[in-house]
């Protein structure tokens, strides 16, 4: 009896290690996708190459849409279809984390930025990239929880 080995399905490849997760606040996303700032190009290249998994909860995408609709960046003539396409192509949708009790929760002075901190911690992201002083003030406490809160200039894949 002859076996047809040519029609046998190949064994599945070993799963690649998932890229580390990153959360990026709105200001840095604007630097990347609207203002095209040179200081965020290393970060942007890592996101677009898939070297990191950019986690985005619905409220984060809504926030950037809101900021753009207010005309904050109007003089830069943001390319809205391009911005949406970048989100579609590179953002990994994440469910907002459940509300945490205040005891033990890392709380940001700016309630608008709490969503970034909560998502980064709940998803065990490796980095939260921000230029916001209220977020950066939590860096030491976050480091103890395994989260590096850094500016775009200090971010590195290493």
Protein backbone atom coordinates (compact mmCIF):
# COMPACT_ATOMS: atom_id res chain seq x y z
CA UNK A 1 0.00 0.00 0.00
CA UNK A 2 1.42 3.34 -1.06
CA UNK A 3 0.83 6.51 1.01
CA UNK A 4 0.29 9.79 -0.73
CA UNK A 5 2.67 11.99 1.24
CA UNK A 6 2.41 14.87 -1.21
CA UNK A 7 -1.16 15.61 -0.19
CA UNK A 8 -0.44 15.57 3.54
CA UNK A 9 -0.86 18.96 5.14
CA UNK A 10 2.34 20.48 6.46
CA UNK A 11 2.59 20.84 10.20
CA UNK A 12 1.76 24.34 11.38
CA UNK A 13 4.73 26.58 12.04
CA UNK A 14 5.69 27.31 15.61
CA UNK A 15 3.83 30.41 16.74
CA UNK A 16 6.03 33.47 16.73
CA UNK A 17 6.44 35.31 19.97
CA UNK A 18 3.90 38.12 20.06
CA UNK A 19 5.29 41.62 19.72
CA UNK A 20 5.33 43.52 23.01
CA UNK A 21 2.30 45.70 23.69
CA UNK A 22 2.46 49.48 23.73
CA UNK A 23 -0.08 52.17 24.58
CA UNK A 24 0.41 55.60 23.01
CA UNK A 25 -1.43 58.67 24.27
CA UNK A 26 -3.32 61.03 21.96
CA UNK A 27 -0.70 63.77 22.02
CA UNK A 28 1.99 61.38 20.75
CA UNK A 29 -0.36 59.89 18.14
CA UNK A 30 -1.00 63.45 16.93
CA UNK A 31 2.77 64.06 16.77
CA UNK A 32 3.04 60.95 14.59
CA UNK A 33 -0.01 61.11 12.33
CA UNK A 34 -0.82 64.83 12.15
CA UNK A 35 2.33 66.84 12.84
CA UNK A 36 4.75 64.21 11.46
CA UNK A 37 7.27 65.07 14.20
CA UNK A 38 10.76 63.67 13.70
CA UNK A 39 11.01 62.77 17.41
CA UNK A 40 8.35 60.06 17.05
CA UNK A 41 9.61 58.44 13.85
CA UNK A 42 11.42 55.57 15.61
CA UNK A 43 8.22 54.77 17.49
CA UNK A 44 6.10 55.12 14.33
CA UNK A 45 8.43 52.80 12.43
CA UNK A 46 8.16 50.15 15.16
CA UNK A 47 4.36 50.37 15.11
CA UNK A 48 4.04 50.20 11.34
CA UNK A 49 6.56 47.35 11.08
CA UNK A 50 4.67 45.32 13.69
CA UNK A 51 7.62 45.29 16.09
CA UNK A 52 5.16 46.40 18.79
CA UNK A 53 1.41 45.87 19.21
CA UNK A 54 -0.24 49.29 19.51
CA UNK A 55 -3.24 48.78 21.80
CA UNK A 56 -6.18 51.12 21.31
CA UNK A 57 -9.45 51.09 23.24
CA UNK A 58 -12.49 52.70 21.57
CA UNK A 59 -12.30 55.77 23.83
CA UNK A 60 -8.79 56.47 22.57
CA UNK A 61 -9.80 56.48 18.93
CA UNK A 62 -12.83 58.59 19.83
CA UNK A 63 -10.57 61.08 21.61
CA UNK A 64 -8.35 61.67 18.59
CA UNK A 65 -11.43 62.11 16.39
CA UNK A 66 -12.76 64.64 18.88
CA UNK A 67 -9.48 66.55 19.02
CA UNK A 68 -9.30 66.68 15.22
CA UNK A 69 -12.93 67.79 14.92
CA UNK A 70 -12.31 70.72 17.30
CA UNK A 71 -9.92 72.14 14.77
CA UNK A 72 -6.90 71.98 17.07
CA UNK A 73 -4.80 70.72 14.20
CA UNK A 74 -6.68 72.53 11.41
CA UNK A 75 -3.72 74.62 10.32
CA UNK A 76 -1.81 71.38 9.72
CA UNK A 77 -4.59 70.18 7.41
CA UNK A 78 -4.73 66.68 8.90
CA UNK A 79 -5.29 63.93 6.37
CA UNK A 80 -8.29 62.29 8.07
CA UNK A 81 -8.50 59.30 5.69
CA UNK A 82 -4.77 58.66 6.24
CA UNK A 83 -5.16 58.86 10.02
CA UNK A 84 -8.13 56.46 10.00
CA UNK A 85 -6.21 54.11 7.68
CA UNK A 86 -3.24 54.07 10.08
CA UNK A 87 -5.55 53.14 12.96
CA UNK A 88 -7.19 50.44 10.85
CA UNK A 89 -3.86 49.01 9.69
CA UNK A 90 -1.80 49.20 12.87
CA UNK A 91 -3.95 49.56 15.99
CA UNK A 92 -4.88 46.41 17.87
CA UNK A 93 -8.39 46.94 19.25
CA UNK A 94 -8.55 46.45 22.99
CA UNK A 95 -11.54 46.29 25.26
CA UNK A 96 -11.53 48.95 27.94
CA UNK A 97 -10.46 47.40 31.22
CA UNK A 98 -13.10 46.98 33.90
CA UNK A 99 -13.38 49.79 36.42
CA UNK A 100 -10.88 49.25 39.21
CA UNK A 101 -11.47 50.05 42.88
CA UNK A 102 -9.54 53.08 44.08
CA UNK A 103 -7.58 51.00 46.57
CA UNK A 104 -4.41 49.97 44.78
CA UNK A 105 -5.33 51.75 41.54
CA UNK A 106 -2.73 54.02 39.99
CA UNK A 107 -4.65 57.28 39.59
CA UNK A 108 -3.63 60.06 37.21
CA UNK A 109 -4.14 63.70 38.17
CA UNK A 110 -5.71 64.23 34.75
CA UNK A 111 -8.87 62.09 34.50
CA UNK A 112 -8.73 62.28 30.68
CA UNK A 113 -5.46 60.32 30.76
CA UNK A 114 -6.65 57.61 33.12
CA UNK A 115 -7.80 55.43 30.22
CA UNK A 116 -4.22 55.13 28.94
CA UNK A 117 -2.87 54.07 32.32
CA UNK A 118 -5.69 51.62 32.98
CA UNK A 119 -5.34 49.97 29.57
CA UNK A 120 -1.55 49.76 29.78
CA UNK A 121 -1.66 48.10 33.19
CA UNK A 122 -4.62 45.80 32.49
CA UNK A 123 -3.13 44.59 29.20
CA UNK A 124 0.36 44.24 30.68
CA UNK A 125 1.76 46.59 28.06
CA UNK A 126 5.51 47.03 28.18
CA UNK A 127 5.33 50.79 27.52
CA UNK A 128 3.02 53.76 27.81
CA UNK A 129 4.38 56.56 25.63
CA UNK A 130 3.33 60.07 26.60
CA UNK A 131 4.55 63.64 26.88
CA UNK A 132 1.87 64.51 29.43
CA UNK A 133 3.35 65.59 32.77
CA UNK A 134 0.51 64.01 34.76
CA UNK A 135 1.15 60.65 33.10
CA UNK A 136 4.94 60.90 33.33
CA UNK A 137 4.63 61.65 37.06
CA UNK A 138 3.46 58.04 37.51
CA UNK A 139 6.54 56.50 35.86
CA UNK A 140 8.26 55.34 39.05
CA UNK A 141 5.13 53.70 40.44
CA UNK A 142 4.36 52.13 37.06
CA UNK A 143 7.87 50.69 36.76
CA UNK A 144 7.21 48.69 39.94
CA UNK A 145 4.25 47.14 38.08
CA UNK A 146 6.27 46.28 34.99
CA UNK A 147 5.18 49.26 32.89
CA UNK A 148 7.65 51.79 31.48
CA UNK A 149 6.07 55.22 31.08
CA UNK A 150 8.36 57.17 28.76
CA UNK A 151 8.44 60.10 26.37
CA UNK A 152 8.73 59.35 22.66
CA UNK A 153 12.33 60.55 22.73
CA UNK A 154 13.24 58.07 25.49
CA UNK A 155 11.31 55.15 24.02
CA UNK A 156 13.37 52.29 22.69
CA UNK A 157 12.53 48.74 21.66
CA UNK A 158 15.46 47.52 23.78
